[in-house]
Amino acid sequence: MKFNLLALAACVLMSAAHAATNTYTVKAGDTLTRIARAQRLNIDALRAVNPTLNQSSVLKVGQVLRFPIITRTSRTVQTAVIRPAGIRVNWSLPVQGVITTPYFGTPEHAGIDIAAPLGTLIRVSRPGQVIESRFDPRTGWGWTIVIDYGNGAQARYSHNQMNLVRVGDTVQPGQVIARLGSTGNSTGPHVDYRVTFNGVPVNPLALQ
């Protein structure tokens, strides 16, 4: 099958969701749970943008915490978006959460990290076939799944708590394939979501 490659290598103006942050100063009587609830966040998401916080952290009056907010803004995309002709740009994100590591962030990251509560259901938005479902200690991905969506398109979902599909399984839009976790080289519950077309990494946010 032949592919026509569409390369948006020039600056393409688009609107895309991204993670931003705001701050909060700890007051007497505050707890991490209370702050997270007030900001309508889960504790894992709060920790994700405050790396100094851990399970045993004690909040101090006057301590400044950052918390994520999701905004939409126009931005210029410098990265080429390459995809086979005929693939509709209609890829929903596998979970709803906070994007803690953007596409090609620093250090370079060929995908996005989406933080959400441990055990959150990870779903696919397109029909495809599972070509990988295993624990990968070498790369640090932990429990990882790769799905082939046809026409050269593949997606990887990593750091899962539990894989719920096997190699050879076919999947349908909306199907649950895993539970979100923190296995492998991970700083907290999230899914590392990567999409490629013919082996070329693509910004998942450009496919929304």
N, C-alpha and C. Protein backbone atom coordinates (compact mmCIF):
# COMPACT_ATOMS: atom_id res chain seq x y z
N MET A 1 0.85 -1.19 0.00
CA MET A 1 0.00 0.00 0.00
C MET A 1 0.88 1.24 0.00
N LYS A 2 0.56 2.21 -0.88
CA LYS A 2 1.37 3.42 -0.97
C LYS A 2 0.83 4.47 -0.01
N PHE A 3 1.74 5.33 0.47
CA PHE A 3 1.34 6.37 1.41
C PHE A 3 1.73 7.73 0.85
N ASN A 4 0.86 8.69 1.00
CA ASN A 4 1.21 10.08 0.73
C ASN A 4 1.50 10.72 2.07
N LEU A 5 2.70 11.30 2.25
CA LEU A 5 3.08 11.89 3.52
C LEU A 5 2.78 13.37 3.51
N LEU A 6 2.04 13.80 4.53
CA LEU A 6 1.73 15.21 4.70
C LEU A 6 2.64 15.76 5.77
N ALA A 7 3.54 16.65 5.40
CA ALA A 7 4.50 17.19 6.35
C ALA A 7 4.19 18.65 6.61
N LEU A 8 3.79 18.93 7.80
CA LEU A 8 3.55 20.32 8.19
C LEU A 8 4.82 20.85 8.82
N ALA A 9 5.87 20.91 8.05
CA ALA A 9 7.16 21.33 8.57
C ALA A 9 7.20 22.83 8.77
N ALA A 10 6.41 23.54 8.01
CA ALA A 10 6.34 24.98 8.19
C ALA A 10 5.59 25.27 9.47
N CYS A 11 5.61 26.50 9.89
CA CYS A 11 4.91 26.88 11.12
C CYS A 11 3.41 26.80 10.88
N VAL A 12 2.75 25.92 11.61
CA VAL A 12 1.32 25.73 11.45
C VAL A 12 0.63 26.28 12.69
N LEU A 13 -0.27 27.22 12.51
CA LEU A 13 -0.97 27.80 13.65
C LEU A 13 -2.11 26.89 14.03
N MET A 14 -2.12 26.47 15.29
CA MET A 14 -3.16 25.55 15.74
C MET A 14 -3.50 25.86 17.18
N SER A 15 -4.65 25.40 17.63
CA SER A 15 -5.06 25.52 19.02
C SER A 15 -4.94 24.16 19.64
N ALA A 16 -4.19 24.05 20.77
CA ALA A 16 -3.99 22.74 21.39
C ALA A 16 -3.98 22.90 22.89
N ALA A 17 -4.46 21.85 23.58
CA ALA A 17 -4.45 21.87 25.04
C ALA A 17 -3.05 21.67 25.54
N HIS A 18 -2.64 22.37 26.58
CA HIS A 18 -1.35 22.13 27.19
C HIS A 18 -1.43 22.43 28.67
N ALA A 19 -0.41 21.98 29.37
CA ALA A 19 -0.42 22.13 30.82
C ALA A 19 0.18 23.47 31.22
N ALA A 20 -0.46 24.18 32.13
CA ALA A 20 0.07 25.40 32.69
C ALA A 20 0.02 25.25 34.19
N THR A 21 0.61 26.20 34.90
CA THR A 21 0.59 26.07 36.35
C THR A 21 0.19 27.37 37.01
N ASN A 22 -0.34 27.26 38.24
CA ASN A 22 -0.64 28.38 39.09
C ASN A 22 -0.01 28.06 40.43
N THR A 23 -0.09 28.97 41.39
CA THR A 23 0.57 28.71 42.68
C THR A 23 -0.41 28.90 43.83
N TYR A 24 -0.07 28.27 44.95
CA TYR A 24 -0.86 28.38 46.18
C TYR A 24 0.11 28.40 47.35
N THR A 25 -0.12 29.31 48.30
CA THR A 25 0.72 29.41 49.49
C THR A 25 0.05 28.68 50.65
N VAL A 26 0.75 27.74 51.23
CA VAL A 26 0.21 26.90 52.30
C VAL A 26 -0.11 27.74 53.54
N LYS A 27 -1.30 27.50 54.11
CA LYS A 27 -1.73 28.20 55.31
C LYS A 27 -1.84 27.22 56.48
N ALA A 28 -1.95 27.74 57.68
CA ALA A 28 -2.08 26.89 58.86
C ALA A 28 -3.30 26.00 58.73
N GLY A 29 -3.13 24.71 59.03
CA GLY A 29 -4.23 23.76 58.97
C GLY A 29 -4.42 23.10 57.61
N ASP A 30 -3.67 23.55 56.61
CA ASP A 30 -3.80 22.95 55.28
C ASP A 30 -3.23 21.53 55.26
N THR A 31 -3.83 20.70 54.46
CA THR A 31 -3.30 19.36 54.18
C THR A 31 -3.26 19.20 52.67
N LEU A 32 -2.44 18.25 52.23
CA LEU A 32 -2.31 18.01 50.80
C LEU A 32 -3.65 17.59 50.20
N THR A 33 -4.37 16.76 50.95
CA THR A 33 -5.68 16.31 50.47
C THR A 33 -6.66 17.46 50.32
N ARG A 34 -6.66 18.36 51.32
CA ARG A 34 -7.59 19.49 51.29
C ARG A 34 -7.25 20.44 50.14
N ILE A 35 -5.96 20.68 49.92
CA ILE A 35 -5.55 21.57 48.83
C ILE A 35 -5.92 20.96 47.48
N ALA A 36 -5.64 19.67 47.33
CA ALA A 36 -5.94 19.00 46.06
C ALA A 36 -7.44 19.06 45.77
N ARG A 37 -8.26 18.82 46.81
CA ARG A 37 -9.71 18.84 46.63
C ARG A 37 -10.18 20.24 46.24
N ALA A 38 -9.61 21.27 46.87
CA ALA A 38 -10.01 22.64 46.59
C ALA A 38 -9.68 23.04 45.15
N GLN A 39 -8.59 22.48 44.64
CA GLN A 39 -8.18 22.79 43.27
C GLN A 39 -8.76 21.81 42.26
N ARG A 40 -9.60 20.89 42.75
CA ARG A 40 -10.24 19.88 41.90
C ARG A 40 -9.19 19.02 41.19
N LEU A 41 -8.19 18.61 41.95
CA LEU A 41 -7.12 17.77 41.44
C LEU A 41 -7.02 16.51 42.29
N ASN A 42 -6.34 15.49 41.76
CA ASN A 42 -5.98 14.36 42.61
C ASN A 42 -4.57 14.60 43.14
N ILE A 43 -4.24 13.95 44.23
CA ILE A 43 -2.94 14.17 44.88
C ILE A 43 -1.79 13.82 43.95
N ASP A 44 -1.95 12.76 43.15
CA ASP A 44 -0.88 12.36 42.24
C ASP A 44 -0.56 13.46 41.24
N ALA A 45 -1.60 14.14 40.74
CA ALA A 45 -1.38 15.23 39.79
C ALA A 45 -0.66 16.39 40.48
N LEU A 46 -1.02 16.65 41.75
CA LEU A 46 -0.38 17.73 42.50
C LEU A 46 1.10 17.42 42.72
N ARG A 47 1.39 16.15 43.06
CA ARG A 47 2.79 15.76 43.25
C ARG A 47 3.58 15.84 41.94
N ALA A 48 2.88 15.56 40.83
CA ALA A 48 3.57 15.53 39.54
C ALA A 48 4.20 16.87 39.19
N VAL A 49 3.57 17.98 39.61
CA VAL A 49 4.12 19.30 39.31
C VAL A 49 4.84 19.91 40.51
N ASN A 50 4.94 19.15 41.60
CA ASN A 50 5.71 19.55 42.78
C ASN A 50 6.63 18.39 43.16
N PRO A 51 7.74 18.22 42.42
CA PRO A 51 8.61 17.05 42.59
C PRO A 51 9.15 16.85 44.00
N THR A 52 9.20 17.92 44.82
CA THR A 52 9.74 17.78 46.17
C THR A 52 8.76 17.08 47.11
N LEU A 53 7.50 17.00 46.71
CA LEU A 53 6.51 16.33 47.55
C LEU A 53 6.62 14.82 47.39
N ASN A 54 6.50 14.11 48.49
CA ASN A 54 6.46 12.65 48.44
C ASN A 54 5.47 12.17 49.49
N GLN A 55 5.42 10.86 49.66
CA GLN A 55 4.42 10.29 50.58
C GLN A 55 4.56 10.82 52.00
N SER A 56 5.80 11.14 52.42
CA SER A 56 6.03 11.55 53.81
C SER A 56 6.18 13.06 53.97
N SER A 57 5.94 13.81 52.89
CA SER A 57 6.14 15.25 52.96
C SER A 57 5.21 15.91 53.98
N VAL A 58 5.77 16.83 54.76
CA VAL A 58 4.98 17.61 55.72
C VAL A 58 4.91 19.04 55.20
N LEU A 59 3.69 19.54 55.01
CA LEU A 59 3.53 20.90 54.50
C LEU A 59 3.93 21.91 55.56
N LYS A 60 4.52 23.01 55.10
CA LYS A 60 4.93 24.08 56.00
C LYS A 60 4.18 25.35 55.63
N VAL A 61 3.76 26.09 56.66
CA VAL A 61 3.08 27.36 56.42
C VAL A 61 4.01 28.27 55.61
N GLY A 62 3.46 28.84 54.56
CA GLY A 62 4.26 29.71 53.70
C GLY A 62 4.86 29.00 52.50
N GLN A 63 4.81 27.67 52.53
CA GLN A 63 5.34 26.90 51.40
C GLN A 63 4.49 27.17 50.16
N VAL A 64 5.16 27.35 49.03
CA VAL A 64 4.45 27.64 47.78
C VAL A 64 4.35 26.37 46.95
N LEU A 65 3.12 26.01 46.60
CA LEU A 65 2.88 24.84 45.76
C LEU A 65 2.40 25.30 44.39
N ARG A 66 2.80 24.55 43.39
CA ARG A 66 2.27 24.78 42.05
C ARG A 66 1.14 23.79 41.80
N PHE A 67 0.17 24.19 41.04
CA PHE A 67 -0.84 23.23 40.63
C PHE A 67 -1.17 23.46 39.16
N PRO A 68 -1.46 22.36 38.44
CA PRO A 68 -1.69 22.47 36.99
C PRO A 68 -3.07 22.98 36.67
N ILE A 69 -3.15 23.76 35.62
CA ILE A 69 -4.42 24.15 35.05
C ILE A 69 -4.33 23.88 33.55
N ILE A 70 -5.44 23.50 32.96
CA ILE A 70 -5.44 23.23 31.53
C ILE A 70 -6.00 24.43 30.81
N THR A 71 -5.23 24.96 29.89
CA THR A 71 -5.68 26.10 29.10
C THR A 71 -5.65 25.72 27.64
N ARG A 72 -6.30 26.56 26.83
CA ARG A 72 -6.20 26.38 25.39
C ARG A 72 -5.66 27.68 24.84
N THR A 73 -4.68 27.59 24.00
CA THR A 73 -4.06 28.78 23.47
C THR A 73 -3.55 28.52 22.08
N SER A 74 -3.43 29.57 21.30
CA SER A 74 -2.85 29.42 19.98
C SER A 74 -1.34 29.33 20.12
N ARG A 75 -0.75 28.41 19.42
CA ARG A 75 0.70 28.30 19.48
C ARG A 75 1.21 27.88 18.12
N THR A 76 2.46 28.15 17.86
CA THR A 76 3.07 27.79 16.60
C THR A 76 3.78 26.48 16.75
N VAL A 77 3.46 25.54 15.89
CA VAL A 77 4.06 24.22 15.97
C VAL A 77 5.21 24.15 14.99
N GLN A 78 6.41 23.87 15.49
CA GLN A 78 7.58 23.79 14.66
C GLN A 78 7.84 22.37 14.19
N THR A 79 7.30 21.39 14.92
CA THR A 79 7.57 19.99 14.62
C THR A 79 6.74 19.51 13.44
N ALA A 80 7.36 18.78 12.54
CA ALA A 80 6.63 18.25 11.39
C ALA A 80 5.64 17.19 11.85
N VAL A 81 4.44 17.26 11.34
CA VAL A 81 3.44 16.24 11.61
C VAL A 81 3.32 15.40 10.35
N ILE A 82 3.68 14.14 10.45
CA ILE A 82 3.70 13.27 9.28
C ILE A 82 2.72 12.14 9.49
N ARG A 83 1.82 11.94 8.55
CA ARG A 83 0.85 10.86 8.67
C ARG A 83 0.45 10.39 7.28
N PRO A 84 0.09 9.12 7.13
CA PRO A 84 -0.36 8.63 5.83
C PRO A 84 -1.67 9.26 5.43
N ALA A 85 -1.82 9.52 4.13
CA ALA A 85 -3.09 10.05 3.63
C ALA A 85 -4.19 9.03 3.92
N GLY A 86 -5.35 9.53 4.28
CA GLY A 86 -6.47 8.64 4.56
C GLY A 86 -6.68 8.40 6.04
N ILE A 87 -5.68 8.73 6.88
CA ILE A 87 -5.85 8.60 8.33
C ILE A 87 -6.53 9.86 8.83
N ARG A 88 -7.72 9.72 9.34
CA ARG A 88 -8.46 10.87 9.83
C ARG A 88 -7.88 11.35 11.15
N VAL A 89 -7.79 12.68 11.28
CA VAL A 89 -7.25 13.25 12.51
C VAL A 89 -8.36 13.22 13.56
N ASN A 90 -8.44 12.12 14.27
CA ASN A 90 -9.54 11.91 15.22
C ASN A 90 -9.09 10.92 16.28
N TRP A 91 -7.98 11.21 16.93
CA TRP A 91 -7.42 10.32 17.95
C TRP A 91 -7.67 10.93 19.33
N SER A 92 -8.59 10.36 20.07
CA SER A 92 -8.82 10.84 21.44
C SER A 92 -7.67 10.38 22.33
N LEU A 93 -7.36 11.17 23.36
CA LEU A 93 -6.33 10.77 24.31
C LEU A 93 -6.83 9.56 25.10
N PRO A 94 -5.92 8.68 25.54
CA PRO A 94 -6.33 7.44 26.20
C PRO A 94 -6.94 7.62 27.58
N VAL A 95 -6.62 8.73 28.25
CA VAL A 95 -7.21 9.04 29.56
C VAL A 95 -7.41 10.54 29.67
N GLN A 96 -8.26 10.95 30.59
CA GLN A 96 -8.39 12.36 30.92
C GLN A 96 -7.49 12.62 32.13
N GLY A 97 -6.65 13.62 32.02
CA GLY A 97 -5.73 13.91 33.11
C GLY A 97 -4.92 15.16 32.83
N VAL A 98 -3.78 15.26 33.49
CA VAL A 98 -2.91 16.42 33.36
C VAL A 98 -1.69 16.03 32.54
N ILE A 99 -1.41 16.78 31.49
CA ILE A 99 -0.23 16.52 30.67
C ILE A 99 0.98 17.09 31.40
N THR A 100 1.80 16.20 31.98
CA THR A 100 2.93 16.64 32.80
C THR A 100 4.22 16.72 32.01
N THR A 101 4.32 15.97 30.92
CA THR A 101 5.49 16.06 30.04
C THR A 101 4.97 16.23 28.63
N PRO A 102 5.21 17.38 28.00
CA PRO A 102 4.69 17.61 26.66
C PRO A 102 5.51 16.90 25.59
N TYR A 103 4.99 16.89 24.40
CA TYR A 103 5.66 16.27 23.26
C TYR A 103 7.00 16.95 23.00
N PHE A 104 8.06 16.15 22.89
CA PHE A 104 9.42 16.66 22.68
C PHE A 104 9.74 17.77 23.68
N GLY A 105 9.51 17.47 24.94
CA GLY A 105 9.86 18.42 25.99
C GLY A 105 11.33 18.32 26.31
N THR A 106 11.70 18.71 27.51
CA THR A 106 13.10 18.66 27.93
C THR A 106 13.18 17.80 29.19
N PRO A 107 13.91 16.68 29.21
CA PRO A 107 14.66 16.16 28.06
C PRO A 107 13.72 15.67 26.97
N GLU A 108 14.29 15.45 25.77
CA GLU A 108 13.48 15.06 24.61
C GLU A 108 12.60 13.86 24.93
N HIS A 109 11.36 13.95 24.52
CA HIS A 109 10.37 12.93 24.86
C HIS A 109 9.45 12.76 23.66
N ALA A 110 9.50 11.62 23.00
CA ALA A 110 8.76 11.41 21.75
C ALA A 110 7.32 10.99 22.00
N GLY A 111 6.64 11.71 22.86
CA GLY A 111 5.25 11.41 23.19
C GLY A 111 4.78 12.38 24.25
N ILE A 112 3.74 12.02 24.99
CA ILE A 112 3.27 12.84 26.10
C ILE A 112 3.02 11.96 27.32
N ASP A 113 3.22 12.53 28.51
CA ASP A 113 2.88 11.86 29.76
C ASP A 113 1.59 12.48 30.28
N ILE A 114 0.62 11.64 30.61
CA ILE A 114 -0.66 12.12 31.14
C ILE A 114 -0.85 11.55 32.54
N ALA A 115 -0.81 12.41 33.55
CA ALA A 115 -0.99 11.98 34.94
C ALA A 115 -2.48 11.86 35.26
N ALA A 116 -2.82 10.79 35.97
CA ALA A 116 -4.21 10.55 36.40
C ALA A 116 -4.15 9.59 37.58
N PRO A 117 -5.26 9.39 38.29
CA PRO A 117 -5.25 8.50 39.45
C PRO A 117 -4.85 7.07 39.08
N LEU A 118 -4.16 6.43 40.01
CA LEU A 118 -3.75 5.04 39.84
C LEU A 118 -4.97 4.17 39.53
N GLY A 119 -4.86 3.34 38.50
CA GLY A 119 -5.95 2.44 38.15
C GLY A 119 -6.94 3.01 37.15
N THR A 120 -6.75 4.28 36.74
CA THR A 120 -7.63 4.86 35.73
C THR A 120 -7.65 3.98 34.48
N LEU A 121 -8.82 3.80 33.89
CA LEU A 121 -8.94 2.95 32.71
C LEU A 121 -8.34 3.63 31.48
N ILE A 122 -7.48 2.91 30.78
CA ILE A 122 -6.86 3.40 29.55
C ILE A 122 -7.65 2.83 28.37
N ARG A 123 -8.12 3.71 27.50
CA ARG A 123 -8.96 3.28 26.38
C ARG A 123 -8.34 3.66 25.03
N VAL A 124 -8.73 2.93 24.00
CA VAL A 124 -8.29 3.26 22.65
C VAL A 124 -9.44 3.97 21.92
N SER A 125 -9.08 4.78 20.94
CA SER A 125 -10.11 5.54 20.20
C SER A 125 -10.31 5.01 18.79
N ARG A 126 -9.51 3.99 18.41
CA ARG A 126 -9.58 3.48 17.05
C ARG A 126 -9.50 1.95 17.06
N PRO A 127 -10.00 1.29 16.02
CA PRO A 127 -9.84 -0.16 15.93
C PRO A 127 -8.41 -0.53 15.56
N GLY A 128 -7.92 -1.61 16.12
CA GLY A 128 -6.56 -2.03 15.81
C GLY A 128 -6.26 -3.41 16.35
N GLN A 129 -4.99 -3.79 16.32
CA GLN A 129 -4.57 -5.11 16.80
C GLN A 129 -3.36 -4.96 17.72
N VAL A 130 -3.38 -5.69 18.83
CA VAL A 130 -2.29 -5.65 19.80
C VAL A 130 -1.09 -6.42 19.24
N ILE A 131 0.06 -5.75 19.13
CA ILE A 131 1.27 -6.42 18.64
C ILE A 131 2.33 -6.55 19.73
N GLU A 132 2.09 -5.91 20.87
CA GLU A 132 3.02 -6.04 22.00
C GLU A 132 2.24 -5.82 23.29
N SER A 133 2.46 -6.69 24.27
CA SER A 133 1.84 -6.55 25.59
C SER A 133 2.72 -7.29 26.57
N ARG A 134 3.55 -6.56 27.30
CA ARG A 134 4.55 -7.21 28.15
C ARG A 134 5.13 -6.23 29.16
N PHE A 135 5.94 -6.77 30.06
CA PHE A 135 6.70 -5.94 30.99
C PHE A 135 8.07 -5.73 30.38
N ASP A 136 8.49 -4.48 30.25
CA ASP A 136 9.76 -4.15 29.60
C ASP A 136 10.69 -3.45 30.59
N PRO A 137 11.57 -4.21 31.26
CA PRO A 137 12.48 -3.61 32.24
C PRO A 137 13.66 -2.89 31.59
N ARG A 138 13.96 -3.24 30.35
CA ARG A 138 15.16 -2.68 29.70
C ARG A 138 14.99 -1.19 29.39
N THR A 139 13.85 -0.81 28.87
CA THR A 139 13.63 0.58 28.48
C THR A 139 13.10 1.44 29.62
N GLY A 140 12.62 0.78 30.70
CA GLY A 140 12.01 1.53 31.79
C GLY A 140 10.54 1.79 31.59
N TRP A 141 9.94 1.21 30.53
CA TRP A 141 8.52 1.42 30.27
C TRP A 141 7.61 0.63 31.20
N GLY A 142 8.14 -0.35 31.90
CA GLY A 142 7.29 -1.18 32.74
C GLY A 142 6.30 -1.96 31.89
N TRP A 143 5.07 -2.09 32.39
CA TRP A 143 4.04 -2.77 31.59
C TRP A 143 3.66 -1.86 30.43
N THR A 144 3.83 -2.38 29.22
CA THR A 144 3.64 -1.56 28.02
C THR A 144 2.83 -2.31 26.97
N ILE A 145 2.10 -1.57 26.17
CA ILE A 145 1.27 -2.14 25.10
C ILE A 145 1.52 -1.35 23.82
N VAL A 146 1.64 -2.05 22.70
CA VAL A 146 1.71 -1.41 21.39
C VAL A 146 0.55 -1.93 20.55
N ILE A 147 -0.18 -1.01 19.94
CA ILE A 147 -1.30 -1.38 19.08
C ILE A 147 -1.05 -0.87 17.67
N ASP A 148 -1.23 -1.75 16.69
CA ASP A 148 -1.11 -1.40 15.28
C ASP A 148 -2.49 -1.01 14.77
N TYR A 149 -2.59 0.24 14.31
CA TYR A 149 -3.88 0.74 13.83
C TYR A 149 -4.01 0.71 12.31
N GLY A 150 -3.03 0.11 11.64
CA GLY A 150 -3.09 0.00 10.19
C GLY A 150 -2.55 1.23 9.49
N ASN A 151 -2.24 1.09 8.21
CA ASN A 151 -1.72 2.20 7.40
C ASN A 151 -0.47 2.82 7.99
N GLY A 152 0.33 2.01 8.69
CA GLY A 152 1.59 2.50 9.25
C GLY A 152 1.47 3.17 10.60
N ALA A 153 0.26 3.23 11.15
CA ALA A 153 0.04 3.93 12.42
C ALA A 153 0.12 2.95 13.60
N GLN A 154 0.90 3.32 14.61
CA GLN A 154 1.01 2.53 15.84
C GLN A 154 1.02 3.46 17.04
N ALA A 155 0.58 2.94 18.19
CA ALA A 155 0.60 3.72 19.43
C ALA A 155 1.11 2.84 20.57
N ARG A 156 1.90 3.44 21.45
CA ARG A 156 2.43 2.74 22.62
C ARG A 156 1.87 3.38 23.89
N TYR A 157 1.48 2.52 24.84
CA TYR A 157 0.93 2.95 26.13
C TYR A 157 1.78 2.29 27.22
N SER A 158 2.48 3.09 28.04
CA SER A 158 3.46 2.51 28.97
C SER A 158 3.25 2.93 30.42
N HIS A 159 3.95 2.23 31.32
CA HIS A 159 3.93 2.40 32.78
C HIS A 159 2.60 1.92 33.38
N ASN A 160 1.93 1.01 32.67
CA ASN A 160 0.62 0.54 33.12
C ASN A 160 0.70 -0.24 34.43
N GLN A 161 -0.35 -0.15 35.20
CA GLN A 161 -0.48 -0.97 36.41
C GLN A 161 -0.77 -2.41 36.03
N MET A 162 -1.60 -2.57 35.00
CA MET A 162 -2.01 -3.91 34.55
C MET A 162 -2.43 -3.85 33.09
N ASN A 163 -1.87 -4.75 32.27
CA ASN A 163 -2.31 -4.88 30.88
C ASN A 163 -3.53 -5.79 30.83
N LEU A 164 -4.53 -5.40 30.05
CA LEU A 164 -5.77 -6.16 29.98
C LEU A 164 -6.01 -6.78 28.60
N VAL A 165 -5.01 -6.68 27.72
CA VAL A 165 -5.11 -7.30 26.39
C VAL A 165 -3.83 -8.08 26.12
N ARG A 166 -3.92 -9.03 25.18
CA ARG A 166 -2.79 -9.86 24.82
C ARG A 166 -2.41 -9.64 23.36
N VAL A 167 -1.19 -10.07 23.02
CA VAL A 167 -0.75 -9.99 21.63
C VAL A 167 -1.71 -10.79 20.75
N GLY A 168 -2.13 -10.17 19.65
CA GLY A 168 -3.07 -10.81 18.74
C GLY A 168 -4.50 -10.38 18.93
N ASP A 169 -4.82 -9.80 20.10
CA ASP A 169 -6.18 -9.32 20.33
C ASP A 169 -6.51 -8.16 19.39
N THR A 170 -7.76 -8.11 18.94
CA THR A 170 -8.23 -6.93 18.21
C THR A 170 -8.97 -6.03 19.19
N VAL A 171 -8.87 -4.73 18.98
CA VAL A 171 -9.51 -3.77 19.88
C VAL A 171 -10.43 -2.87 19.08
N GLN A 172 -11.43 -2.35 19.76
CA GLN A 172 -12.42 -1.47 19.13
C GLN A 172 -12.45 -0.13 19.86
N PRO A 173 -12.90 0.94 19.20
CA PRO A 173 -12.96 2.26 19.83
C PRO A 173 -13.68 2.22 21.18
N GLY A 174 -13.05 2.80 22.19
CA GLY A 174 -13.63 2.85 23.53
C GLY A 174 -13.26 1.67 24.40
N GLN A 175 -12.59 0.67 23.83
CA GLN A 175 -12.24 -0.52 24.61
C GLN A 175 -11.14 -0.22 25.62
N VAL A 176 -11.27 -0.78 26.82
CA VAL A 176 -10.24 -0.65 27.85
C VAL A 176 -9.13 -1.65 27.56
N ILE A 177 -7.88 -1.16 27.54
CA ILE A 177 -6.74 -2.05 27.27
C ILE A 177 -5.82 -2.21 28.48
N ALA A 178 -5.92 -1.29 29.45
CA ALA A 178 -5.01 -1.36 30.60
C ALA A 178 -5.53 -0.46 31.71
N ARG A 179 -4.89 -0.60 32.88
CA ARG A 179 -5.12 0.31 33.99
C ARG A 179 -3.87 1.15 34.18
N LEU A 180 -4.07 2.45 34.36
CA LEU A 180 -2.95 3.37 34.49
C LEU A 180 -2.15 3.06 35.75
N GLY A 181 -0.82 3.12 35.62
CA GLY A 181 0.03 2.77 36.76
C GLY A 181 1.28 3.61 36.85
N SER A 182 2.29 3.03 37.49
CA SER A 182 3.56 3.72 37.70
C SER A 182 4.70 2.71 37.67
N THR A 183 4.59 1.70 36.79
CA THR A 183 5.61 0.66 36.72
C THR A 183 6.78 1.12 35.85
N GLY A 184 7.91 0.46 36.03
CA GLY A 184 9.10 0.84 35.28
C GLY A 184 9.72 2.10 35.84
N ASN A 185 10.39 2.86 34.99
CA ASN A 185 11.05 4.10 35.40
C ASN A 185 10.01 5.21 35.41
N SER A 186 9.37 5.40 36.56
CA SER A 186 8.25 6.33 36.64
C SER A 186 8.30 7.11 37.95
N THR A 187 7.87 8.38 37.88
CA THR A 187 7.88 9.23 39.07
C THR A 187 6.50 9.33 39.72
N GLY A 188 5.51 8.69 39.13
CA GLY A 188 4.16 8.73 39.68
C GLY A 188 3.18 8.18 38.66
N PRO A 189 1.93 7.94 39.06
CA PRO A 189 0.94 7.36 38.15
C PRO A 189 0.72 8.22 36.90
N HIS A 190 0.92 7.62 35.75
CA HIS A 190 0.69 8.31 34.48
C HIS A 190 0.77 7.29 33.35
N VAL A 191 0.34 7.70 32.17
CA VAL A 191 0.54 6.88 30.97
C VAL A 191 1.46 7.65 30.02
N ASP A 192 2.49 6.96 29.55
CA ASP A 192 3.39 7.50 28.53
C ASP A 192 2.77 7.09 27.19
N TYR A 193 2.26 8.06 26.45
CA TYR A 193 1.50 7.80 25.23
C TYR A 193 2.29 8.29 24.02
N ARG A 194 2.60 7.37 23.10
CA ARG A 194 3.40 7.70 21.93
C ARG A 194 2.73 7.18 20.67
N VAL A 195 2.75 8.00 19.62
CA VAL A 195 2.16 7.62 18.34
C VAL A 195 3.21 7.76 17.25
N THR A 196 3.27 6.78 16.35
CA THR A 196 4.18 6.86 15.20
C THR A 196 3.42 6.53 13.92
N PHE A 197 3.88 7.12 12.81
CA PHE A 197 3.41 6.76 11.49
C PHE A 197 4.62 6.33 10.67
N ASN A 198 4.63 5.06 10.24
CA ASN A 198 5.78 4.51 9.53
C ASN A 198 7.06 4.71 10.32
N GLY A 199 6.97 4.57 11.64
CA GLY A 199 8.13 4.67 12.51
C GLY A 199 8.53 6.08 12.89
N VAL A 200 7.84 7.08 12.36
CA VAL A 200 8.17 8.49 12.65
C VAL A 200 7.29 8.99 13.80
N PRO A 201 7.89 9.46 14.91
CA PRO A 201 7.09 9.96 16.03
C PRO A 201 6.23 11.17 15.63
N VAL A 202 5.01 11.19 16.12
CA VAL A 202 4.06 12.26 15.83
C VAL A 202 3.54 12.83 17.14
N ASN A 203 3.34 14.12 17.18
CA ASN A 203 2.78 14.77 18.36
C ASN A 203 1.33 14.31 18.54
N PRO A 204 1.02 13.57 19.61
CA PRO A 204 -0.36 13.10 19.81
C PRO A 204 -1.39 14.24 19.89
N LEU A 205 -0.96 15.41 20.39
CA LEU A 205 -1.89 16.53 20.51
C LEU A 205 -2.30 17.07 19.15
N ALA A 206 -1.47 16.84 18.12
CA ALA A 206 -1.80 17.31 16.78
C ALA A 206 -2.84 16.43 16.11
N LEU A 207 -3.18 15.30 16.75
CA LEU A 207 -4.14 14.36 16.17
C LEU A 207 -5.52 14.50 16.77
N GLN A 208 -5.70 15.50 17.65
CA GLN A 208 -7.00 15.65 18.31
C GLN A 208 -8.00 16.32 17.38
